Amino acid sequence: MSLQIEYEIDEIQLNYLQLLSNHAQQIFTFRCKNSVAWYDESARSFKKAVKFEGVNGHEFSTNSKSKKAMIKVPFDGCKVITISALQN
Protein backbone atom coordinates (compact mmCIF):
# COMPACT_ATOMS: atom_id res chain seq x y z
CA MET A 1 0.00 0.00 0.00
CA SER A 2 1.28 3.43 -0.89
CA LEU A 3 0.04 6.63 0.71
CA GLN A 4 0.95 10.03 -0.63
CA ILE A 5 1.02 13.10 1.60
CA GLU A 6 1.10 16.41 -0.22
CA TYR A 7 1.37 19.97 0.94
CA GLU A 8 1.80 23.23 -0.89
CA ILE A 9 4.56 25.79 -0.67
CA ASP A 10 4.83 29.05 -2.57
CA GLU A 11 7.24 28.44 -5.47
CA ILE A 12 8.79 31.92 -5.21
CA GLN A 13 9.43 31.43 -1.49
CA LEU A 14 11.00 28.02 -2.11
CA ASN A 15 13.28 29.37 -4.86
CA TYR A 16 14.37 32.24 -2.59
CA LEU A 17 15.14 29.82 0.25
CA GLN A 18 17.20 27.64 -2.10
CA LEU A 19 19.27 30.62 -3.24
CA LEU A 20 20.00 31.77 0.31
CA SER A 21 20.56 28.40 1.96
CA ASN A 22 23.14 25.67 1.72
CA HIS A 23 21.29 23.38 4.13
CA ALA A 24 17.69 22.61 4.98
CA GLN A 25 16.03 20.61 7.70
CA GLN A 26 12.50 19.42 8.12
CA ILE A 27 11.15 17.33 10.98
CA PHE A 28 8.65 14.67 10.01
CA THR A 29 6.89 12.50 12.59
CA PHE A 30 5.42 9.20 11.41
CA ARG A 31 2.99 7.51 13.77
CA CYS A 32 3.08 3.84 12.94
CA LYS A 33 0.51 1.20 13.63
CA ASN A 34 1.26 -2.18 12.07
CA SER A 35 3.55 -0.53 9.52
CA VAL A 36 7.21 0.00 8.77
CA ALA A 37 8.56 3.54 8.60
CA TRP A 38 12.25 3.05 7.94
CA TYR A 39 13.86 -0.32 8.73
CA ASP A 40 11.87 -3.55 8.58
CA GLU A 41 13.55 -5.65 11.25
CA SER A 42 11.63 -8.85 10.46
CA ALA A 43 12.71 -8.72 6.78
CA ARG A 44 16.07 -7.12 7.60
CA SER A 45 15.65 -4.55 4.86
CA PHE A 46 14.76 -0.97 3.99
CA LYS A 47 12.48 -2.10 1.13
CA LYS A 48 9.33 -0.66 2.76
CA ALA A 49 11.00 2.54 3.99
CA VAL A 50 9.25 5.89 3.65
CA LYS A 51 10.42 7.90 0.64
CA PHE A 52 10.34 11.66 0.30
CA GLU A 53 10.07 13.56 -2.96
CA GLY A 54 11.66 16.97 -3.23
CA VAL A 55 11.86 19.67 -5.84
CA ASN A 56 11.82 18.47 -9.44
CA GLY A 57 10.95 14.92 -8.40
CA HIS A 58 14.22 14.32 -6.54
CA GLU A 59 13.81 11.31 -4.24
CA PHE A 60 15.17 11.26 -0.70
CA SER A 61 15.35 7.68 0.56
CA THR A 62 17.63 5.00 1.92
CA ASN A 63 19.08 4.75 -1.60
CA SER A 64 20.13 8.42 -1.81
CA LYS A 65 23.72 8.54 -3.04
CA SER A 66 24.38 12.20 -2.26
CA LYS A 67 25.21 13.53 1.21
CA LYS A 68 23.06 16.53 0.29
CA ALA A 69 20.06 14.22 0.08
CA MET A 70 20.80 12.39 3.30
CA ILE A 71 17.98 11.51 5.65
CA LYS A 72 18.79 11.27 9.33
CA VAL A 73 16.47 9.06 11.35
CA PRO A 74 17.09 9.82 15.03
CA PHE A 75 14.69 7.13 16.25
CA ASP A 76 12.85 4.37 14.41
CA GLY A 77 10.14 3.10 16.73
CA CYS A 78 8.33 1.29 13.90
CA LYS A 79 10.98 -1.32 13.16
CA VAL A 80 9.60 -3.80 15.68
CA ILE A 81 5.92 -4.72 15.70
CA THR A 82 4.91 -5.76 19.19
CA ILE A 83 2.15 -8.17 20.15
CA SER A 84 0.24 -5.32 21.83
CA ALA A 85 0.33 -3.30 18.58
CA LEU A 86 -1.20 -6.22 16.71
CA GLN A 87 -4.02 -6.51 19.24
CA ASN A 88 -5.10 -2.82 18.96
PDB file of N, CA and C in Angstrom:
ATOM      1  N   MET A   1       0.839  -1.183   0.000  1.00  0.00           N
ATOM      2  CA  MET A   1       0.000   0.000   0.000  1.00  0.00           C
ATOM      3  C   MET A   1       0.882   1.244   0.000  1.00  0.00           C
ATOM      4  N   SER A   2       0.518   2.196  -0.797  1.00  0.00           N
ATOM      5  CA  SER A   2       1.279   3.435  -0.894  1.00  0.00           C
ATOM      6  C   SER A   2       0.370   4.608  -0.572  1.00  0.00           C
ATOM      7  N   LEU A   3       0.805   5.453   0.313  1.00  0.00           N
ATOM      8  CA  LEU A   3       0.043   6.630   0.710  1.00  0.00           C
ATOM      9  C   LEU A   3       0.872   7.852   0.377  1.00  0.00           C
ATOM     10  N   GLN A   4       0.253   8.819  -0.255  1.00  0.00           N
ATOM     11  CA  GLN A   4       0.955  10.031  -0.626  1.00  0.00           C
ATOM     12  C   GLN A   4       0.439  11.183   0.227  1.00  0.00           C
ATOM     13  N   ILE A   5       1.361  11.919   0.813  1.00  0.00           N
ATOM     14  CA  ILE A   5       1.018  13.096   1.602  1.00  0.00           C
ATOM     15  C   ILE A   5       1.550  14.307   0.846  1.00  0.00           C
ATOM     16  N   GLU A   6       0.678  15.235   0.528  1.00  0.00           N
ATOM     17  CA  GLU A   6       1.101  16.407  -0.220  1.00  0.00           C
ATOM     18  C   GLU A   6       0.791  17.665   0.568  1.00  0.00           C
ATOM     19  N   TYR A   7       1.663  18.653   0.405  1.00  0.00           N
ATOM     20  CA  TYR A   7       1.367  19.970   0.942  1.00  0.00           C
ATOM     21  C   TYR A   7       1.953  21.006   0.013  1.00  0.00           C
ATOM     22  N   GLU A   8       1.392  22.193   0.050  1.00  0.00           N
ATOM     23  CA  GLU A   8       1.800  23.226  -0.889  1.00  0.00           C
ATOM     24  C   GLU A   8       2.765  24.217  -0.247  1.00  0.00           C
ATOM     25  N   ILE A   9       3.664  24.721  -1.078  1.00  0.00           N
ATOM     26  CA  ILE A   9       4.557  25.792  -0.670  1.00  0.00           C
ATOM     27  C   ILE A   9       4.632  26.769  -1.841  1.00  0.00           C
ATOM     28  N   ASP A  10       4.720  28.040  -1.539  1.00  0.00           N
ATOM     29  CA  ASP A  10       4.827  29.050  -2.569  1.00  0.00           C
ATOM     30  C   ASP A  10       6.136  28.858  -3.332  1.00  0.00           C
ATOM     31  N   GLU A  11       6.056  28.725  -4.657  1.00  0.00           N
ATOM     32  CA  GLU A  11       7.242  28.442  -5.469  1.00  0.00           C
ATOM     33  C   GLU A  11       8.288  29.553  -5.383  1.00  0.00           C
ATOM     34  N   ILE A  12       7.858  30.790  -5.324  1.00  0.00           N
ATOM     35  CA  ILE A  12       8.792  31.919  -5.212  1.00  0.00           C
ATOM     36  C   ILE A  12       9.535  31.853  -3.883  1.00  0.00           C
ATOM     37  N   GLN A  13       8.815  31.548  -2.813  1.00  0.00           N
ATOM     38  CA  GLN A  13       9.430  31.428  -1.493  1.00  0.00           C
ATOM     39  C   GLN A  13      10.449  30.285  -1.477  1.00  0.00           C
ATOM     40  N   LEU A  14      10.096  29.161  -2.073  1.00  0.00           N
ATOM     41  CA  LEU A  14      11.001  28.018  -2.112  1.00  0.00           C
ATOM     42  C   LEU A  14      12.268  28.345  -2.904  1.00  0.00           C
ATOM     43  N   ASN A  15      12.120  28.978  -4.054  1.00  0.00           N
ATOM     44  CA  ASN A  15      13.283  29.369  -4.859  1.00  0.00           C
ATOM     45  C   ASN A  15      14.185  30.325  -4.084  1.00  0.00           C
ATOM     46  N   TYR A  16      13.606  31.276  -3.386  1.00  0.00           N
ATOM     47  CA  TYR A  16      14.367  32.236  -2.587  1.00  0.00           C
ATOM     48  C   TYR A  16      15.138  31.520  -1.477  1.00  0.00           C
ATOM     49  N   LEU A  17      14.481  30.586  -0.798  1.00  0.00           N
ATOM     50  CA  LEU A  17      15.143  29.815   0.255  1.00  0.00           C
ATOM     51  C   LEU A  17      16.306  28.996  -0.298  1.00  0.00           C
ATOM     52  N   GLN A  18      16.135  28.422  -1.482  1.00  0.00           N
ATOM     53  CA  GLN A  18      17.199  27.637  -2.101  1.00  0.00           C
ATOM     54  C   GLN A  18      18.415  28.501  -2.433  1.00  0.00           C
ATOM     55  N   LEU A  19      18.165  29.720  -2.890  1.00  0.00           N
ATOM     56  CA  LEU A  19      19.266  30.619  -3.235  1.00  0.00           C
ATOM     57  C   LEU A  19      20.053  31.059  -2.005  1.00  0.00           C
ATOM     58  N   LEU A  20      19.370  31.242  -0.895  1.00  0.00           N
ATOM     59  CA  LEU A  20      20.002  31.772   0.310  1.00  0.00           C
ATOM     60  C   LEU A  20      20.521  30.709   1.268  1.00  0.00           C
ATOM     61  N   SER A  21      20.218  29.456   1.002  1.00  0.00           N
ATOM     62  CA  SER A  21      20.559  28.400   1.960  1.00  0.00           C
ATOM     63  C   SER A  21      21.465  27.344   1.347  1.00  0.00           C
ATOM     64  N   ASN A  22      22.345  26.805   2.167  1.00  0.00           N
ATOM     65  CA  ASN A  22      23.144  25.673   1.719  1.00  0.00           C
ATOM     66  C   ASN A  22      22.743  24.406   2.470  1.00  0.00           C
ATOM     67  N   HIS A  23      21.719  24.517   3.315  1.00  0.00           N
ATOM     68  CA  HIS A  23      21.289  23.379   4.131  1.00  0.00           C
ATOM     69  C   HIS A  23      19.828  23.602   4.514  1.00  0.00           C
ATOM     70  N   ALA A  24      19.093  22.535   4.568  1.00  0.00           N
ATOM     71  CA  ALA A  24      17.688  22.610   4.977  1.00  0.00           C
ATOM     72  C   ALA A  24      17.380  21.447   5.900  1.00  0.00           C
ATOM     73  N   GLN A  25      16.425  21.656   6.760  1.00  0.00           N
ATOM     74  CA  GLN A  25      16.026  20.605   7.696  1.00  0.00           C
ATOM     75  C   GLN A  25      14.528  20.655   7.860  1.00  0.00           C
ATOM     76  N   GLN A  26      13.922  19.509   7.865  1.00  0.00           N
ATOM     77  CA  GLN A  26      12.497  19.415   8.120  1.00  0.00           C
ATOM     78  C   GLN A  26      12.280  18.230   9.046  1.00  0.00           C
ATOM     79  N   ILE A  27      11.470  18.419  10.045  1.00  0.00           N
ATOM     80  CA  ILE A  27      11.153  17.335  10.979  1.00  0.00           C
ATOM     81  C   ILE A  27       9.818  16.727  10.566  1.00  0.00           C
ATOM     82  N   PHE A  28       9.825  15.414  10.440  1.00  0.00           N
ATOM     83  CA  PHE A  28       8.647  14.674  10.013  1.00  0.00           C
ATOM     84  C   PHE A  28       8.405  13.574  11.040  1.00  0.00           C
ATOM     85  N   THR A  29       7.225  13.536  11.607  1.00  0.00           N
ATOM     86  CA  THR A  29       6.885  12.502  12.585  1.00  0.00           C
ATOM     87  C   THR A  29       5.902  11.531  11.949  1.00  0.00           C
ATOM     88  N   PHE A  30       6.242  10.272  11.976  1.00  0.00           N
ATOM     89  CA  PHE A  30       5.418   9.203  11.405  1.00  0.00           C
ATOM     90  C   PHE A  30       4.889   8.368  12.556  1.00  0.00           C
ATOM     91  N   ARG A  31       3.602   8.336  12.725  1.00  0.00           N
ATOM     92  CA  ARG A  31       2.987   7.510  13.773  1.00  0.00           C
ATOM     93  C   ARG A  31       2.620   6.167  13.140  1.00  0.00           C
ATOM     94  N   CYS A  32       3.275   5.133  13.584  1.00  0.00           N
ATOM     95  CA  CYS A  32       3.077   3.837  12.942  1.00  0.00           C
ATOM     96  C   CYS A  32       2.129   2.959  13.753  1.00  0.00           C
ATOM     97  N   LYS A  33       1.344   2.232  13.029  1.00  0.00           N
ATOM     98  CA  LYS A  33       0.508   1.200  13.625  1.00  0.00           C
ATOM     99  C   LYS A  33       0.482   0.067  12.615  1.00  0.00           C
ATOM    100  N   ASN A  34       1.147  -1.011  12.960  1.00  0.00           N
ATOM    101  CA  ASN A  34       1.259  -2.176  12.072  1.00  0.00           C
ATOM    102  C   ASN A  34       1.893  -1.806  10.730  1.00  0.00           C
ATOM    103  N   SER A  35       2.877  -0.928  10.759  1.00  0.00           N
ATOM    104  CA  SER A  35       3.550  -0.533   9.523  1.00  0.00           C
ATOM    105  C   SER A  35       5.031  -0.284   9.781  1.00  0.00           C
ATOM    106  N   VAL A  36       5.780  -0.263   8.705  1.00  0.00           N
ATOM    107  CA  VAL A  36       7.209   0.004   8.771  1.00  0.00           C
ATOM    108  C   VAL A  36       7.428   1.433   8.299  1.00  0.00           C
ATOM    109  N   ALA A  37       8.251   2.183   9.023  1.00  0.00           N
ATOM    110  CA  ALA A  37       8.556   3.544   8.598  1.00  0.00           C
ATOM    111  C   ALA A  37       9.919   3.616   7.920  1.00  0.00           C
ATOM    112  N   TRP A  38      10.901   2.952   8.479  1.00  0.00           N
ATOM    113  CA  TRP A  38      12.248   3.045   7.941  1.00  0.00           C
ATOM    114  C   TRP A  38      12.861   1.657   7.746  1.00  0.00           C
ATOM    115  N   TYR A  39      13.205   0.989   8.827  1.00  0.00           N
ATOM    116  CA  TYR A  39      13.858  -0.322   8.727  1.00  0.00           C
ATOM    117  C   TYR A  39      12.891  -1.418   9.143  1.00  0.00           C
ATOM    118  N   ASP A  40      12.732  -2.400   8.290  1.00  0.00           N
ATOM    119  CA  ASP A  40      11.871  -3.551   8.580  1.00  0.00           C
ATOM    120  C   ASP A  40      12.739  -4.634   9.213  1.00  0.00           C
ATOM    121  N   GLU A  41      12.679  -4.721  10.538  1.00  0.00           N
ATOM    122  CA  GLU A  41      13.549  -5.646  11.249  1.00  0.00           C
ATOM    123  C   GLU A  41      13.237  -7.110  10.926  1.00  0.00           C
ATOM    124  N   SER A  42      11.970  -7.448  10.745  1.00  0.00           N
ATOM    125  CA  SER A  42      11.625  -8.852  10.464  1.00  0.00           C
ATOM    126  C   SER A  42      12.154  -9.299   9.097  1.00  0.00           C
ATOM    127  N   ALA A  43      12.188  -8.389   8.114  1.00  0.00           N
ATOM    128  CA  ALA A  43      12.709  -8.721   6.779  1.00  0.00           C
ATOM    129  C   ALA A  43      14.179  -8.322   6.623  1.00  0.00           C
ATOM    130  N   ARG A  44      14.693  -7.618   7.627  1.00  0.00           N
ATOM    131  CA  ARG A  44      16.071  -7.115   7.602  1.00  0.00           C
ATOM    132  C   ARG A  44      16.358  -6.322   6.329  1.00  0.00           C
ATOM    133  N   SER A  45      15.469  -5.358   6.059  1.00  0.00           N
ATOM    134  CA  SER A  45      15.653  -4.547   4.856  1.00  0.00           C
ATOM    135  C   SER A  45      15.009  -3.165   5.011  1.00  0.00           C
ATOM    136  N   PHE A  46      15.344  -2.308   4.066  1.00  0.00           N
ATOM    137  CA  PHE A  46      14.758  -0.966   3.991  1.00  0.00           C
ATOM    138  C   PHE A  46      13.747  -0.893   2.843  1.00  0.00           C
ATOM    139  N   LYS A  47      13.348  -2.037   2.309  1.00  0.00           N
ATOM    140  CA  LYS A  47      12.485  -2.096   1.128  1.00  0.00           C
ATOM    141  C   LYS A  47      11.169  -1.326   1.307  1.00  0.00           C
ATOM    142  N   LYS A  48      10.610  -1.334   2.506  1.00  0.00           N
ATOM    143  CA  LYS A  48       9.334  -0.661   2.760  1.00  0.00           C
ATOM    144  C   LYS A  48       9.505   0.720   3.383  1.00  0.00           C
ATOM    145  N   ALA A  49      10.714   1.253   3.348  1.00  0.00           N
ATOM    146  CA  ALA A  49      10.996   2.540   3.988  1.00  0.00           C
ATOM    147  C   ALA A  49      10.230   3.688   3.333  1.00  0.00           C
ATOM    148  N   VAL A  50       9.899   4.674   4.136  1.00  0.00           N
ATOM    149  CA  VAL A  50       9.247   5.885   3.655  1.00  0.00           C
ATOM    150  C   VAL A  50      10.192   6.593   2.688  1.00  0.00           C
ATOM    151  N   LYS A  51       9.642   7.139   1.613  1.00  0.00           N
ATOM    152  CA  LYS A  51      10.420   7.897   0.640  1.00  0.00           C
ATOM    153  C   LYS A  51       9.858   9.318   0.576  1.00  0.00           C
ATOM    154  N   PHE A  52      10.737  10.263   0.401  1.00  0.00           N
ATOM    155  CA  PHE A  52      10.337  11.659   0.298  1.00  0.00           C
ATOM    156  C   PHE A  52      10.689  12.173  -1.090  1.00  0.00           C
ATOM    157  N   GLU A  53       9.810  12.983  -1.656  1.00  0.00           N
ATOM    158  CA  GLU A  53      10.074  13.556  -2.961  1.00  0.00           C
ATOM    159  C   GLU A  53      10.245  15.058  -2.811  1.00  0.00           C
ATOM    160  N   GLY A  54      11.353  15.549  -3.319  1.00  0.00           N
ATOM    161  CA  GLY A  54      11.661  16.970  -3.230  1.00  0.00           C
ATOM    162  C   GLY A  54      11.388  17.692  -4.524  1.00  0.00           C
ATOM    163  N   VAL A  55      12.022  18.828  -4.668  1.00  0.00           N
ATOM    164  CA  VAL A  55      11.860  19.667  -5.844  1.00  0.00           C
ATOM    165  C   VAL A  55      12.269  18.898  -7.095  1.00  0.00           C
ATOM    166  N   ASN A  56      11.542  19.100  -8.149  1.00  0.00           N
ATOM    167  CA  ASN A  56      11.823  18.475  -9.444  1.00  0.00           C
ATOM    168  C   ASN A  56      11.828  16.951  -9.390  1.00  0.00           C
ATOM    169  N   GLY A  57      11.067  16.369  -8.475  1.00  0.00           N
ATOM    170  CA  GLY A  57      10.953  14.917  -8.401  1.00  0.00           C
ATOM    171  C   GLY A  57      12.128  14.207  -7.769  1.00  0.00           C
ATOM    172  N   HIS A  58      13.068  14.949  -7.178  1.00  0.00           N
ATOM    173  CA  HIS A  58      14.224  14.321  -6.538  1.00  0.00           C
ATOM    174  C   HIS A  58      13.763  13.471  -5.354  1.00  0.00           C
ATOM    175  N   GLU A  59      14.220  12.223  -5.306  1.00  0.00           N
ATOM    176  CA  GLU A  59      13.809  11.311  -4.241  1.00  0.00           C
ATOM    177  C   GLU A  59      14.842  11.260  -3.119  1.00  0.00           C
ATOM    178  N   PHE A  60      14.352  11.401  -1.907  1.00  0.00           N
ATOM    179  CA  PHE A  60      15.165  11.264  -0.703  1.00  0.00           C
ATOM    180  C   PHE A  60      14.747   9.940  -0.067  1.00  0.00           C
ATOM    181  N   SER A  61      15.683   8.996   0.022  1.00  0.00           N
ATOM    182  CA  SER A  61      15.349   7.680   0.557  1.00  0.00           C
ATOM    183  C   SER A  61      16.607   7.011   1.087  1.00  0.00           C
ATOM    184  N   THR A  62      16.473   5.762   1.452  1.00  0.00           N
ATOM    185  CA  THR A  62      17.632   4.998   1.922  1.00  0.00           C
ATOM    186  C   THR A  62      18.637   4.790   0.800  1.00  0.00           C
ATOM    187  N   ASN A  63      18.200   4.950  -0.442  1.00  0.00           N
ATOM    188  CA  ASN A  63      19.077   4.754  -1.600  1.00  0.00           C
ATOM    189  C   ASN A  63      19.754   6.034  -2.073  1.00  0.00           C
ATOM    190  N   SER A  64      19.531   7.153  -1.385  1.00  0.00           N
ATOM    191  CA  SER A  64      20.129   8.415  -1.805  1.00  0.00           C
ATOM    192  C   SER A  64      21.646   8.303  -1.786  1.00  0.00           C
ATOM    193  N   LYS A  65      22.266   8.640  -2.904  1.00  0.00           N
ATOM    194  CA  LYS A  65      23.722   8.536  -3.040  1.00  0.00           C
ATOM    195  C   LYS A  65      24.435   9.793  -2.539  1.00  0.00           C
ATOM    196  N   SER A  66      23.777  10.919  -2.596  1.00  0.00           N
ATOM    197  CA  SER A  66      24.385  12.201  -2.258  1.00  0.00           C
ATOM    198  C   SER A  66      24.249  12.513  -0.770  1.00  0.00           C
ATOM    199  N   LYS A  67      25.295  13.094  -0.187  1.00  0.00           N
ATOM    200  CA  LYS A  67      25.213  13.525   1.212  1.00  0.00           C
ATOM    201  C   LYS A  67      24.224  14.680   1.355  1.00  0.00           C
ATOM    202  N   LYS A  68      24.025  15.439   0.270  1.00  0.00           N
ATOM    203  CA  LYS A  68      23.063  16.532   0.286  1.00  0.00           C
ATOM    204  C   LYS A  68      21.642  16.011   0.476  1.00  0.00           C
ATOM    205  N   ALA A  69      21.390  14.805   0.014  1.00  0.00           N
ATOM    206  CA  ALA A  69      20.056  14.219   0.078  1.00  0.00           C
ATOM    207  C   ALA A  69      19.929  13.224   1.225  1.00  0.00           C
ATOM    208  N   MET A  70      20.778  13.348   2.207  1.00  0.00           N
ATOM    209  CA  MET A  70      20.803  12.388   3.299  1.00  0.00           C
ATOM    210  C   MET A  70      19.616  12.581   4.253  1.00  0.00           C
ATOM    211  N   ILE A  71      19.053  11.488   4.657  1.00  0.00           N
ATOM    212  CA  ILE A  71      17.976  11.511   5.646  1.00  0.00           C
ATOM    213  C   ILE A  71      18.537  10.965   6.945  1.00  0.00           C
ATOM    214  N   LYS A  72      18.344  11.703   8.009  1.00  0.00           N
ATOM    215  CA  LYS A  72      18.794  11.267   9.331  1.00  0.00           C
ATOM    216  C   LYS A  72      17.565  10.827  10.121  1.00  0.00           C
ATOM    217  N   VAL A  73      17.586   9.602  10.570  1.00  0.00           N
ATOM    218  CA  VAL A  73      16.473   9.060  11.352  1.00  0.00           C
ATOM    219  C   VAL A  73      16.954   8.914  12.788  1.00  0.00           C
ATOM    220  N   PRO A  74      16.587   9.875  13.660  1.00  0.00           N
ATOM    221  CA  PRO A  74      17.089   9.824  15.032  1.00  0.00           C
ATOM    222  C   PRO A  74      16.524   8.667  15.848  1.00  0.00           C
ATOM    223  N   PHE A  75      15.303   8.237  15.511  1.00  0.00           N
ATOM    224  CA  PHE A  75      14.694   7.133  16.249  1.00  0.00           C
ATOM    225  C   PHE A  75      13.682   6.448  15.347  1.00  0.00           C
ATOM    226  N   ASP A  76      13.788   5.142  15.218  1.00  0.00           N
ATOM    227  CA  ASP A  76      12.846   4.368  14.413  1.00  0.00           C
ATOM    228  C   ASP A  76      12.077   3.433  15.335  1.00  0.00           C
ATOM    229  N   GLY A  77      10.959   3.894  15.827  1.00  0.00           N
ATOM    230  CA  GLY A  77      10.141   3.100  16.734  1.00  0.00           C
ATOM    231  C   GLY A  77       9.204   2.147  16.013  1.00  0.00           C
ATOM    232  N   CYS A  78       9.238   2.140  14.684  1.00  0.00           N
ATOM    233  CA  CYS A  78       8.334   1.286  13.900  1.00  0.00           C
ATOM    234  C   CYS A  78       8.998   0.011  13.419  1.00  0.00           C
ATOM    235  N   LYS A  79      10.280  -0.162  13.714  1.00  0.00           N
ATOM    236  CA  LYS A  79      10.983  -1.317  13.155  1.00  0.00           C
ATOM    237  C   LYS A  79      10.604  -2.632  13.814  1.00  0.00           C
ATOM    238  N   VAL A  80      10.019  -2.577  14.993  1.00  0.00           N
ATOM    239  CA  VAL A  80       9.598  -3.800  15.681  1.00  0.00           C
ATOM    240  C   VAL A  80       8.104  -3.712  15.951  1.00  0.00           C
ATOM    241  N   ILE A  81       7.353  -4.666  15.420  1.00  0.00           N
ATOM    242  CA  ILE A  81       5.925  -4.720  15.701  1.00  0.00           C
ATOM    243  C   ILE A  81       5.723  -5.592  16.925  1.00  0.00           C
ATOM    244  N   THR A  82       5.128  -5.019  17.944  1.00  0.00           N
ATOM    245  CA  THR A  82       4.913  -5.755  19.188  1.00  0.00           C
ATOM    246  C   THR A  82       3.570  -6.468  19.163  1.00  0.00           C
ATOM    247  N   ILE A  83       3.414  -7.443  20.030  1.00  0.00           N
ATOM    248  CA  ILE A  83       2.148  -8.171  20.150  1.00  0.00           C
ATOM    249  C   ILE A  83       1.024  -7.220  20.525  1.00  0.00           C
ATOM    250  N   SER A  84       1.286  -6.253  21.417  1.00  0.00           N
ATOM    251  CA  SER A  84       0.236  -5.321  21.826  1.00  0.00           C
ATOM    252  C   SER A  84      -0.210  -4.450  20.665  1.00  0.00           C
ATOM    253  N   ALA A  85       0.691  -4.087  19.744  1.00  0.00           N
ATOM    254  CA  ALA A  85       0.331  -3.295  18.580  1.00  0.00           C
ATOM    255  C   ALA A  85      -0.590  -4.092  17.658  1.00  0.00           C
ATOM    256  N   LEU A  86      -0.354  -5.385  17.560  1.00  0.00           N
ATOM    257  CA  LEU A  86      -1.204  -6.224  16.710  1.00  0.00           C
ATOM    258  C   LEU A  86      -2.594  -6.413  17.293  1.00  0.00           C
ATOM    259  N   GLN A  87      -2.731  -6.304  18.598  1.00  0.00           N
ATOM    260  CA  GLN A  87      -4.024  -6.512  19.244  1.00  0.00           C
ATOM    261  C   GLN A  87      -4.889  -5.257  19.218  1.00  0.00           C
ATOM    262  N   ASN A  88      -4.315  -4.078  18.971  1.00  0.00           N
ATOM    263  CA  ASN A  88      -5.096  -2.817  18.959  1.00  0.00           C
ATOM    264  C   ASN A  88      -5.798  -2.595  17.661  1.00  0.00           C
TER     265      ASN A  88
END
